[in-house]
């Protein structure tokens, strides 16, 4: 089944042996990326951007064996995305034996009409069952708000179900309608702006009162359970994307580049071609930095970044400080700037 709101690389073909063919292609892609890696240590691995839980443990092992040929952090975080219907005790046992130490469960909602409206292939019962199977493990749950058929009451019930699960991390996303998706072509009856803001207030109140801290726009966790992989994105660290449509950001000397791999599955398996290779510089770099760094709730010290901030960025940043939107002692938004983050980021256009 094709996700109606997803805009990443998608195939609806049966898995069959394609998972192992794809795994070998990813392993080859990783080997061919040695010059980009340049001996640097891997701190995290993330299996996601689709439905990796349909793949066999054998396919995942092929990829992880290739990863192990590189320098690895002693505390490496290896996250694996799963759909609720793919979660089983045996599957979790097999994946954990391979070294997977963090699971991301795409629940999205614990409400049947909302799940049906989102085109999900699971229901509330299977979402709860999968959540229970992950209890006690290092895991995170994805939820979406602002969806069709959602009310303040149903959203509160979903949040209560999440809190009762005692899961240590939550990724909470507002539904956005992206071009090139099924939802883009449909006329959806979504909650209005006031209702959305009400849901955000409700989430903040419920999560904070139950020990969760917001550390990024869409991320909440109990202390010590923040996603290392995603923090690297927002701190403007480098990352290497492998697989159809996967995006990368790599710094080589003074140049910061972004690129992706081609999207068609069979094309990628045949040859792991790079597309949309761009050097990020000037005003484009200023905007890129702002869109990532300002997502971090409490800000970040410049010394903790893997990049030297351009003078043009710092000049625009000082304008935001004068307007009370940006912090003076570190890179980040004030409470007001964070509340109106989209407007704050426009300072860097």
Protein backbone atom coordinates (compact mmCIF):
# COMPACT_ATOMS: atom_id res chain seq x y z
CA UNK A 1 0.00 0.00 0.00
CA UNK A 2 1.32 3.46 -0.90
CA UNK A 3 1.39 6.06 1.86
CA UNK A 4 -0.88 8.97 0.77
CA UNK A 5 1.12 11.68 2.60
CA UNK A 6 4.72 10.43 2.09
CA UNK A 7 6.96 12.08 -0.50
CA UNK A 8 10.04 9.82 -0.27
CA UNK A 9 11.03 6.97 -2.59
CA UNK A 10 8.18 4.44 -2.79
CA UNK A 11 7.64 1.05 -4.36
CA UNK A 12 4.57 -1.15 -4.03
CA UNK A 13 6.24 -4.23 -5.55
CA UNK A 14 6.34 -7.43 -3.46
CA UNK A 15 9.53 -7.75 -1.39
CA UNK A 16 10.48 -11.29 -2.59
CA UNK A 17 14.29 -11.24 -2.86
CA UNK A 18 14.45 -7.53 -3.71
CA UNK A 19 15.41 -6.75 -0.11
CA UNK A 20 18.69 -8.64 -0.44
CA UNK A 21 19.38 -7.18 -3.90
CA UNK A 22 18.83 -3.72 -2.42
CA UNK A 23 20.99 -4.57 0.61
CA UNK A 24 23.90 -5.59 -1.62
CA UNK A 25 23.48 -2.35 -3.61
CA UNK A 26 23.54 -0.30 -0.38
CA UNK A 27 26.65 -2.19 0.78
CA UNK A 28 28.32 -1.40 -2.56
CA UNK A 29 27.24 2.25 -2.28
CA UNK A 30 28.83 2.42 1.16
CA UNK A 31 32.08 0.89 -0.10
CA UNK A 32 32.17 3.36 -2.99
CA UNK A 33 31.69 6.24 -0.55
CA UNK A 34 35.04 5.70 1.21
CA UNK A 35 36.45 9.00 -0.04
CA UNK A 36 33.43 10.89 1.35
CA UNK A 37 33.65 9.08 4.68
CA UNK A 38 37.38 9.84 4.80
CA UNK A 39 38.03 7.62 7.82
CA UNK A 40 35.46 9.40 9.99
CA UNK A 41 33.68 7.51 12.74
CA UNK A 42 30.04 6.46 12.41
CA UNK A 43 28.05 7.61 15.43
CA UNK A 44 24.62 6.41 14.28
CA UNK A 45 22.83 4.35 11.66
CA UNK A 46 19.17 4.86 10.79
CA UNK A 47 17.05 2.40 8.81
CA UNK A 48 14.07 4.44 7.67
CA UNK A 49 12.34 6.53 5.07
CA UNK A 50 9.84 3.84 4.10
CA UNK A 51 9.14 0.38 5.45
CA UNK A 52 12.44 -1.29 6.36
CA UNK A 53 10.50 -3.62 8.66
CA UNK A 54 9.35 -5.53 5.55
CA UNK A 55 12.98 -6.49 4.88
CA UNK A 56 14.41 -9.76 6.15
CA UNK A 57 16.98 -9.96 8.94
CA UNK A 58 19.36 -11.42 6.33
CA UNK A 59 19.14 -8.22 4.26
CA UNK A 60 19.71 -6.01 7.30
CA UNK A 61 22.74 -8.12 8.24
CA UNK A 62 24.28 -7.48 4.81
CA UNK A 63 24.07 -3.72 5.37
CA UNK A 64 25.35 -3.81 8.94
CA UNK A 65 28.28 -6.03 7.93
CA UNK A 66 29.25 -3.34 5.42
CA UNK A 67 28.90 -0.61 8.06
CA UNK A 68 31.23 -2.54 10.38
CA UNK A 69 34.05 -2.16 7.86
CA UNK A 70 34.27 1.49 8.97
CA UNK A 71 35.34 3.16 12.23
CA UNK A 72 32.42 2.99 14.68
CA UNK A 73 31.55 4.87 17.85
CA UNK A 74 31.56 2.69 20.98
CA UNK A 75 28.10 4.08 21.78
CA UNK A 76 26.68 3.85 18.25
CA UNK A 77 22.92 4.30 17.99
CA UNK A 78 21.27 2.00 15.41
CA UNK A 79 17.61 2.87 14.86
CA UNK A 80 15.14 0.76 12.92
CA UNK A 81 11.74 2.05 11.72
CA UNK A 82 8.82 -0.37 11.98
CA UNK A 83 5.15 -0.38 11.04
CA UNK A 84 2.94 -1.87 13.77
CA UNK A 85 1.82 -4.87 11.67
CA UNK A 86 5.46 -5.89 11.11
CA UNK A 87 6.32 -6.04 14.82
CA UNK A 88 6.62 -9.47 16.41
CA UNK A 89 8.66 -10.91 19.26
CA UNK A 90 10.69 -13.02 16.79
CA UNK A 91 11.37 -10.05 14.49
CA UNK A 92 12.55 -7.91 17.41
CA UNK A 93 14.75 -10.73 18.68
CA UNK A 94 16.36 -11.20 15.24
CA UNK A 95 16.98 -7.47 14.78
CA UNK A 96 18.35 -6.95 18.29
CA UNK A 97 20.76 -9.84 17.72
CA UNK A 98 22.13 -7.91 14.72
CA UNK A 99 22.85 -4.86 16.88
CA UNK A 100 19.68 -2.78 16.46
CA UNK A 101 19.41 -0.86 19.75
CA UNK A 102 16.60 1.63 19.05
CA UNK A 103 13.19 1.12 17.43
CA UNK A 104 10.97 3.75 15.82
CA UNK A 105 7.32 2.72 15.66
CA UNK A 106 5.07 4.48 13.11
CA UNK A 107 1.81 4.42 15.09
CA UNK A 108 0.62 7.89 13.91
CA UNK A 109 -2.65 7.56 15.90
CA UNK A 110 -4.48 5.28 18.30
CA UNK A 111 -7.83 6.08 16.65
CA UNK A 112 -9.35 3.89 13.93
CA UNK A 113 -11.12 6.59 11.83
CA UNK A 114 -7.94 8.71 11.82
CA UNK A 115 -5.79 5.74 10.82
CA UNK A 116 -8.18 4.90 8.00
CA UNK A 117 -8.10 8.53 6.83
CA UNK A 118 -4.28 8.42 6.84
CA UNK A 119 -4.31 5.29 4.68
CA UNK A 120 -2.50 3.21 7.31
CA UNK A 121 -2.60 -0.58 7.07
CA UNK A 122 -2.95 -1.05 10.83
CA UNK A 123 -5.69 -0.30 13.35
CA UNK A 124 -5.76 0.86 16.98
CA UNK A 125 -5.56 -2.70 18.33
CA UNK A 126 -2.45 -3.62 16.31
CA UNK A 127 -0.87 -0.27 17.23
CA UNK A 128 -1.35 -1.04 20.93
CA UNK A 129 -0.09 -4.61 20.48
CA UNK A 130 3.10 -3.40 18.76
CA UNK A 131 3.61 -0.73 21.43
CA UNK A 132 3.33 -3.37 24.15
CA UNK A 133 5.87 -5.62 22.41
CA UNK A 134 8.39 -2.75 22.51
CA UNK A 135 7.77 -2.00 26.19
CA UNK A 136 11.05 -1.85 28.10
CA UNK A 137 13.12 -1.45 24.92
CA UNK A 138 14.81 1.74 23.70
CA UNK A 139 12.12 3.00 21.36
CA UNK A 140 10.31 6.03 19.99
CA UNK A 141 6.77 6.42 18.69
CA UNK A 142 5.64 8.62 15.78
CA UNK A 143 2.30 10.43 16.10
CA UNK A 144 0.63 12.86 13.68
CA UNK A 145 -1.79 15.67 14.57
CA UNK A 146 -3.90 17.94 12.40
CA UNK A 147 -5.35 14.98 10.50
CA UNK A 148 -8.76 14.40 8.99
CA UNK A 149 -11.38 13.13 11.49
CA UNK A 150 -9.21 14.23 14.44
CA UNK A 151 -10.73 16.13 17.37
CA UNK A 152 -9.24 17.53 20.56
CA UNK A 153 -10.78 14.57 22.42
CA UNK A 154 -9.41 11.89 20.08
CA UNK A 155 -5.96 13.55 20.12
CA UNK A 156 -6.00 13.60 23.93
CA UNK A 157 -6.87 9.89 23.98
CA UNK A 158 -3.96 9.13 21.62
CA UNK A 159 -1.57 11.10 23.85
CA UNK A 160 -2.89 9.28 26.93
CA UNK A 161 -2.23 5.95 25.21
CA UNK A 162 1.32 7.05 24.41
CA UNK A 163 2.00 8.23 27.97
CA UNK A 164 0.59 4.99 29.41
CA UNK A 165 3.03 3.03 27.24
CA UNK A 166 5.98 4.62 29.14
CA UNK A 167 7.87 4.97 25.85
CA UNK A 168 10.82 7.32 26.39
CA UNK A 169 10.68 9.30 23.13
CA UNK A 170 7.98 10.83 20.96
CA UNK A 171 8.17 12.30 17.46
CA UNK A 172 5.07 14.46 17.10
CA UNK A 173 4.44 15.83 13.60
CA UNK A 174 1.78 18.13 12.21
CA UNK A 175 0.38 16.68 8.99
CA UNK A 176 1.77 18.59 6.04
CA UNK A 177 0.47 18.11 2.51
CA UNK A 178 3.46 17.75 0.20
CA UNK A 179 3.40 17.99 -3.61
CA UNK A 180 3.68 14.65 -5.45
CA UNK A 181 1.60 12.86 -2.82
CA UNK A 182 -1.88 11.32 -3.01
CA UNK A 183 -3.18 13.76 -0.37
CA UNK A 184 -2.04 16.73 -2.50
CA UNK A 185 -4.66 15.78 -5.10
CA UNK A 186 -7.48 15.30 -2.57
CA UNK A 187 -9.71 17.83 -0.85
CA UNK A 188 -9.23 17.03 2.82
CA UNK A 189 -11.26 18.39 5.74
CA UNK A 190 -8.47 19.20 8.17
CA UNK A 191 -8.64 20.98 11.56
CA UNK A 192 -8.41 24.76 11.31
CA UNK A 193 -5.53 26.88 12.64
CA UNK A 194 -7.17 27.50 16.04
CA UNK A 195 -7.81 23.79 16.49
CA UNK A 196 -4.20 23.01 15.56
CA UNK A 197 -2.89 25.50 18.12
CA UNK A 198 -5.23 23.96 20.72
CA UNK A 199 -3.77 20.52 20.01
CA UNK A 200 -0.24 21.88 20.38
CA UNK A 201 -1.09 23.45 23.74
CA UNK A 202 -2.71 20.22 24.90
CA UNK A 203 0.32 18.16 23.87
CA UNK A 204 2.72 20.53 25.62
CA UNK A 205 0.70 20.45 28.84
CA UNK A 206 0.27 16.66 28.90
CA UNK A 207 3.82 15.78 27.90
CA UNK A 208 5.57 18.24 30.22
CA UNK A 209 3.45 17.14 33.19
CA UNK A 210 4.51 13.53 32.52
CA UNK A 211 8.26 14.14 32.40
CA UNK A 212 8.83 14.70 28.66
CA UNK A 213 10.91 17.62 27.45
CA UNK A 214 10.68 19.18 24.00
CA UNK A 215 14.22 19.40 22.62
CA UNK A 216 13.36 20.04 18.96
CA UNK A 217 10.31 21.24 17.02
CA UNK A 218 8.83 17.75 16.60
CA UNK A 219 10.74 15.81 19.28
CA UNK A 220 9.99 15.07 22.92
CA UNK A 221 11.88 12.76 25.26
CA UNK A 222 12.63 11.87 28.81
CA UNK A 223 16.12 13.08 29.81
CA UNK A 224 18.88 11.03 28.19
CA UNK A 225 16.71 9.51 25.46
CA UNK A 226 17.12 12.18 22.75
CA UNK A 227 17.76 10.87 19.22
CA UNK A 228 21.49 11.18 18.56
CA UNK A 229 20.95 10.58 14.86
CA UNK A 230 18.47 13.41 14.42
CA UNK A 231 20.43 15.79 16.65
CA UNK A 232 23.31 15.42 14.21
CA UNK A 233 21.05 16.77 11.42
CA UNK A 234 19.97 19.79 13.46
CA UNK A 235 23.52 20.54 14.63
CA UNK A 236 24.54 20.64 10.96
CA UNK A 237 26.67 17.52 11.14
CA UNK A 238 27.50 15.46 8.06
CA UNK A 239 25.46 12.41 7.09
CA UNK A 240 25.63 9.84 4.31
CA UNK A 241 22.35 8.65 2.80
CA UNK A 242 22.29 5.23 1.13
CA UNK A 243 19.37 3.78 -0.81
CA UNK A 244 16.87 5.01 -3.43
CA UNK A 245 16.21 8.74 -3.02
CA UNK A 246 18.47 9.00 0.06
CA UNK A 247 19.86 12.47 0.82
CA UNK A 248 23.39 13.30 2.03
CA UNK A 249 25.23 16.32 3.39
CA UNK A 250 29.01 16.07 3.23
CA UNK A 251 31.73 18.58 4.05
CA UNK A 252 34.97 18.25 2.09
CA UNK A 253 37.47 20.93 3.04
CA UNK A 254 35.73 24.32 2.73
CA UNK A 255 32.88 22.93 0.58
CA UNK A 256 29.52 21.83 1.98
CA UNK A 257 27.58 19.71 -0.50
CA UNK A 258 24.12 18.17 -0.57
CA UNK A 259 23.09 15.43 -2.97
CA UNK A 260 20.75 12.47 -3.25
CA UNK A 261 20.69 9.07 -4.90
CA UNK A 262 18.30 8.30 -7.77
CA UNK A 263 14.81 7.24 -6.66
CA UNK A 264 13.76 4.28 -8.88
CA UNK A 265 14.42 1.04 -7.00
CA UNK A 266 15.65 -1.05 -9.92
CA UNK A 267 17.75 1.82 -11.25
CA UNK A 268 19.44 2.22 -7.87
CA UNK A 269 20.08 -1.53 -7.56
CA UNK A 270 21.75 -1.47 -10.99
CA UNK A 271 23.85 1.64 -10.29
CA UNK A 272 23.92 3.88 -7.24
CA UNK A 273 23.92 7.14 -9.17
CA UNK A 274 24.17 10.58 -7.53
CA UNK A 275 21.62 13.25 -8.49
CA UNK A 276 21.05 16.92 -7.58
CA UNK A 277 24.63 17.51 -6.44
CA UNK A 278 24.80 21.06 -5.06
CA UNK A 279 27.47 23.10 -3.27
CA UNK A 280 25.74 25.04 -0.46
CA UNK A 281 27.11 28.57 -0.12
CA UNK A 282 26.16 32.21 0.32
CA UNK A 283 22.54 33.01 1.21
CA UNK A 284 21.55 29.41 0.56
CA UNK A 285 23.95 28.28 3.29
CA UNK A 286 22.59 30.93 5.68
CA UNK A 287 19.07 29.60 5.17
CA UNK A 288 20.20 25.97 5.44
CA UNK A 289 21.90 26.71 8.76
CA UNK A 290 18.87 28.58 10.13
CA UNK A 291 16.39 25.86 9.12
CA UNK A 292 18.40 23.27 11.07
CA UNK A 293 20.06 25.03 14.01
CA UNK A 294 16.98 27.00 15.09
CA UNK A 295 14.93 23.80 15.46
CA UNK A 296 16.89 22.95 18.63
CA UNK A 297 14.74 24.11 21.55
CA UNK A 298 17.44 25.28 23.97
CA UNK A 299 19.91 26.51 21.36
CA UNK A 300 23.51 25.44 20.81
CA UNK A 301 26.92 26.98 21.45
CA UNK A 302 28.87 27.77 18.24
CA UNK A 303 31.82 25.73 19.58
CA UNK A 304 29.63 22.60 19.46
CA UNK A 305 28.97 22.95 15.74
CA UNK A 306 30.87 21.12 13.05
CA UNK A 307 30.94 24.21 10.85
CA UNK A 308 32.20 27.80 11.13
CA UNK A 309 29.28 30.20 10.90
CA UNK A 310 29.59 32.59 7.92
CA UNK A 311 29.78 36.34 8.58
CA UNK A 312 26.61 36.81 6.49
CA UNK A 313 24.73 34.41 8.78
CA UNK A 314 26.00 36.16 11.94
CA UNK A 315 24.99 39.58 10.56
CA UNK A 316 21.42 38.40 9.97
CA UNK A 317 21.45 36.64 13.33
CA UNK A 318 22.22 39.91 15.14
CA UNK A 319 19.13 41.49 13.57
CA UNK A 320 17.08 38.68 15.13
CA UNK A 321 18.73 39.30 18.51
CA UNK A 322 17.74 42.99 18.35
CA UNK A 323 14.15 41.99 17.55
CA UNK A 324 14.02 39.64 20.54
CA UNK A 325 13.63 36.56 18.35
CA UNK A 326 17.09 35.02 18.77
CA UNK A 327 19.28 34.26 21.79
CA UNK A 328 22.33 36.41 22.47
CA UNK A 329 24.54 33.91 24.33
CA UNK A 330 24.17 30.96 21.91
CA UNK A 331 22.61 30.05 18.56
CA UNK A 332 18.89 29.52 19.06
CA UNK A 333 15.48 31.15 19.23
CA UNK A 334 13.93 32.93 22.21
CA UNK A 335 10.54 31.70 23.46
CA UNK A 336 8.83 34.20 21.13
CA UNK A 337 11.11 33.35 18.21
CA UNK A 338 10.47 29.65 18.70
CA UNK A 339 6.71 30.15 18.88
CA UNK A 340 6.84 31.88 15.48
CA UNK A 341 9.75 29.88 14.10
CA UNK A 342 8.76 30.07 10.43
CA UNK A 343 8.73 33.87 10.63
CA UNK A 344 12.01 33.90 12.54
CA UNK A 345 13.73 31.79 9.89
CA UNK A 346 12.67 34.31 7.22
CA UNK A 347 15.31 36.66 8.66
CA UNK A 348 17.83 34.51 6.79
CA UNK A 349 16.26 34.76 3.34
